[in-house]
Every structure is written in structure tokens, then in C-alpha cells.
Amino acid sequence: MHGADARPEGKWISTVRLGPKSQIVIPKEVRDMFGLGPGDSLLLMADVERGIALVDPAEYADVMSKVLGSPSGEEGHS
């Protein structure tokens, strides 16, 4: 497949670079695909063997609440 339009719908692959402050910019096409905008939160997961992933924190709310010990939907702040 050649060209940006040849990729399967709903799929994206891209190289990003770390900027001067070690930040990355999520490509506009990906932000649009997921409806991301300024102030949105993403969950960063890292594994030495599997790499780095950014996911929607809502998809992992149950797992995070079990790990952090707070009931689902409640803030873990005092």
C-alpha cells in the first residue's frame, strides 16, 4: 500500500519525535479519529518488553480502582 489514503479505516501508524521538553505531539489525524482535544487525559502504560501505549482511561477505570483501592467512579483524593 502506498500513500496516506491506502491505510485501513480506523488505523494509523506514524513516527513521532520527542521535543525539547521530551514531549510528543499526537498527530492531528489521530486526535480527530479519537475526538481528542486540549485538556483531555490519556492513560500512559509502559512495559519494558511490550513498549508504550496511550489509552482512554475510562477503559481501565475498573482496573485502576482495584489497584488504587477506591470504588469505581470515586476520586482517590482525601
Protein backbone atom coordinates (compact mmCIF):
# COMPACT_ATOMS: atom_id res chain seq x y z
CA MET A 1 0.00 0.00 0.00
CA HIS A 2 1.25 3.47 -0.85
CA GLY A 3 0.07 6.86 0.33
CA ALA A 4 -1.75 8.02 3.43
CA ASP A 5 -5.18 7.15 1.98
CA ALA A 6 -4.24 3.48 1.47
CA ARG A 7 -4.34 2.58 5.18
CA PRO A 8 -7.35 0.69 6.55
CA GLU A 9 -10.07 2.89 8.01
CA GLY A 10 -9.66 3.45 11.75
CA LYS A 11 -5.95 2.58 11.65
CA TRP A 12 -2.95 4.90 11.88
CA ILE A 13 0.77 4.42 12.19
CA SER A 14 3.22 7.26 12.49
CA THR A 15 6.61 8.18 13.88
CA VAL A 16 6.69 10.97 16.47
CA ARG A 17 9.71 12.72 17.94
CA LEU A 18 10.40 13.88 21.44
CA GLY A 19 10.59 17.66 21.58
CA PRO A 20 12.98 19.75 23.69
CA LYS A 21 10.94 19.01 26.83
CA SER A 22 10.62 15.27 25.98
CA GLN A 23 7.01 15.81 24.88
CA ILE A 24 5.33 14.22 21.89
CA VAL A 25 2.65 15.67 19.64
CA ILE A 26 -0.19 13.32 18.75
CA PRO A 27 -0.82 13.75 15.02
CA LYS A 28 -3.95 15.75 14.13
CA GLU A 29 -5.41 12.79 12.23
CA VAL A 30 -5.19 10.65 15.37
CA ARG A 31 -6.62 13.40 17.59
CA ASP A 32 -9.53 13.74 15.16
CA MET A 33 -10.02 9.96 14.96
CA PHE A 34 -10.42 9.74 18.75
CA GLY A 35 -12.01 13.12 19.37
CA LEU A 36 -9.08 14.31 21.49
CA GLY A 37 -8.55 17.94 22.38
CA PRO A 38 -6.66 20.19 24.77
CA GLY A 39 -7.13 19.16 28.40
CA ASP A 40 -8.15 15.56 27.62
CA SER A 41 -6.45 12.86 29.67
CA LEU A 42 -4.83 9.68 28.41
CA LEU A 43 -3.50 6.77 30.44
CA LEU A 44 0.15 6.01 29.65
CA MET A 45 1.16 2.39 30.14
CA ALA A 46 4.76 1.24 29.75
CA ASP A 47 6.29 -2.22 29.71
CA VAL A 48 9.98 -2.84 29.02
CA GLU A 49 9.15 -5.84 26.83
CA ARG A 50 5.98 -4.59 25.10
CA GLY A 51 6.56 -0.85 24.72
CA ILE A 52 4.49 2.24 25.45
CA ALA A 53 0.75 2.69 24.91
CA LEU A 54 -1.64 5.61 25.34
CA VAL A 55 -5.23 4.58 26.04
CA ASP A 56 -8.54 6.05 27.17
CA PRO A 57 -8.51 5.99 30.99
CA ALA A 58 -12.24 5.12 31.03
CA GLU A 59 -11.42 1.73 29.51
CA TYR A 60 -9.26 0.92 32.52
CA ALA A 61 -11.34 2.54 35.31
CA ASP A 62 -12.17 -0.81 36.96
CA VAL A 63 -8.54 -1.98 36.87
CA MET A 64 -7.27 1.34 38.24
CA SER A 65 -9.82 1.39 41.05
CA LYS A 66 -8.77 -2.12 42.12
CA VAL A 67 -5.09 -1.18 42.04
CA LEU A 68 -5.65 2.12 43.85
CA GLY A 69 -8.23 0.69 46.26
CA SER A 70 -11.02 3.19 45.56
CA PRO A 71 -14.51 2.20 44.39
CA SER A 72 -15.21 2.75 40.69
CA GLY A 73 -16.25 6.30 39.94
CA GLU A 74 -14.86 7.81 43.14
CA GLU A 75 -11.83 10.04 43.31
CA GLY A 76 -8.90 8.72 45.32
CA HIS A 77 -8.29 12.12 46.94
CA SER A 78 -8.78 13.00 50.60
